Protein backbone atom coordinates (compact mmCIF):
# COMPACT_ATOMS: atom_id res chain seq x y z
CA MET A 1 0.00 0.00 0.00
CA LYS A 2 1.32 3.40 -0.92
CA SER A 3 1.90 5.91 1.87
CA GLU A 4 -0.72 8.27 0.37
CA GLU A 5 -3.37 5.53 0.48
CA PHE A 6 -2.43 4.66 4.05
CA GLU A 7 -2.73 8.32 5.06
CA ILE A 8 -6.16 8.66 3.43
CA ILE A 9 -7.47 5.55 5.17
CA THR A 10 -6.14 6.49 8.60
CA THR A 11 -7.44 10.07 8.30
CA ASP A 12 -10.89 8.79 7.31
CA LEU A 13 -10.84 6.31 10.18
CA LYS A 14 -10.11 9.08 12.70
CA LYS A 15 -13.23 10.99 11.57
CA ARG A 16 -15.64 8.07 12.01
CA ARG A 17 -17.46 7.24 15.22
CA ILE A 18 -15.97 3.80 15.66
CA PRO A 19 -14.69 2.39 18.97
CA ILE A 20 -10.97 2.76 19.56
CA GLU A 21 -10.53 -1.02 19.67
CA VAL A 22 -11.90 -1.38 16.14
CA LYS A 23 -9.71 1.46 14.89
CA ARG A 24 -6.73 -0.25 16.52
CA VAL A 25 -7.52 -3.53 14.73
CA VAL A 26 -7.65 -1.73 11.38
CA SER A 27 -4.37 0.02 12.13
CA ILE A 28 -2.69 -3.27 13.05
CA MET A 29 -3.97 -4.89 9.85
CA LEU A 30 -2.68 -2.02 7.73
CA ASP A 31 0.70 -2.15 9.51
CA LYS A 32 0.91 -5.84 8.55
CA LYS A 33 0.09 -4.95 4.91
CA ALA A 34 -3.45 -6.37 4.83
CA LYS A 35 -5.45 -5.52 1.72
CA HIS A 36 -9.12 -4.67 1.23
CA VAL A 37 -9.79 -3.94 4.92
CA VAL A 38 -13.50 -3.39 5.56
CA VAL A 39 -15.32 -2.48 8.78
CA LEU A 40 -18.93 -3.66 8.94
CA LYS A 41 -21.22 -1.99 11.45
CA LEU A 42 -23.58 -4.69 12.73
CA LYS A 43 -25.06 -2.84 15.70
CA GLY A 44 -28.78 -3.65 15.81
CA ILE A 45 -28.34 -6.43 13.25
CA SER A 46 -26.29 -8.96 15.22
CA ASP A 47 -26.66 -9.98 18.85
CA ILE A 48 -23.04 -11.10 19.24
CA THR A 49 -21.08 -8.12 17.86
CA ASP A 50 -21.40 -4.47 16.92
CA PHE A 51 -18.53 -4.45 14.39
CA MET A 52 -16.78 -6.97 12.15
CA VAL A 53 -13.43 -6.27 10.54
CA ILE A 54 -12.54 -8.18 7.38
CA GLY A 55 -9.22 -8.07 5.57
CA GLN A 56 -7.17 -10.02 3.12
CA GLY A 57 -3.54 -11.09 3.06
CA THR A 58 -1.50 -12.34 0.14
CA SER A 59 -0.55 -15.69 1.72
CA THR A 60 -1.48 -18.07 4.51
CA ARG A 61 1.61 -16.99 6.41
CA GLN A 62 0.67 -13.31 6.16
CA ASN A 63 -2.90 -14.04 7.27
CA SER A 64 -1.58 -15.92 10.30
CA ALA A 65 0.79 -13.05 11.15
CA ILE A 66 -2.03 -10.49 10.90
CA SER A 67 -4.29 -12.60 13.13
CA ALA A 68 -1.56 -13.25 15.71
CA GLU A 69 -0.61 -9.57 15.87
CA ILE A 70 -4.22 -8.45 16.37
CA GLN A 71 -4.73 -10.95 19.18
CA LYS A 72 -1.43 -10.02 20.84
CA LYS A 73 -2.00 -6.25 20.72
CA LEU A 74 -5.62 -6.44 21.90
CA ARG A 75 -4.57 -8.59 24.86
CA GLN A 76 -1.72 -6.21 25.76
CA GLN A 77 -3.41 -2.87 25.24
CA HIS A 78 -7.10 -3.51 25.88
CA LYS A 79 -7.16 -6.77 27.88
CA MET A 80 -9.46 -8.27 25.22
CA LYS A 81 -9.66 -11.65 23.55
CA PRO A 82 -11.45 -12.29 20.26
CA PHE A 83 -14.82 -14.03 20.36
CA GLY A 84 -13.82 -16.07 17.34
CA VAL A 85 -11.16 -16.23 14.67
CA GLU A 86 -11.87 -17.83 11.29
CA GLY A 87 -9.28 -20.11 9.75
CA GLU A 88 -7.44 -21.32 12.83
């Protein structure tokens, strides 16, 4: 991802009313070079979550690294564990 694209995405993310934890997940994914990162707002639609973050890596190894980094940082900084992780 080009630095201009990264800057546009992070600036847009700062403007939105999204919880800091979700913003942090997106930031971690972008730091790990995830592509096509999407945040779905499910508040009022789903009983188990308010937001879902979806992203894509270029290999199985990259996907595993992105997932591991998200879990590690959320545990360290927010004392949170994911409800579920697909693909493990």
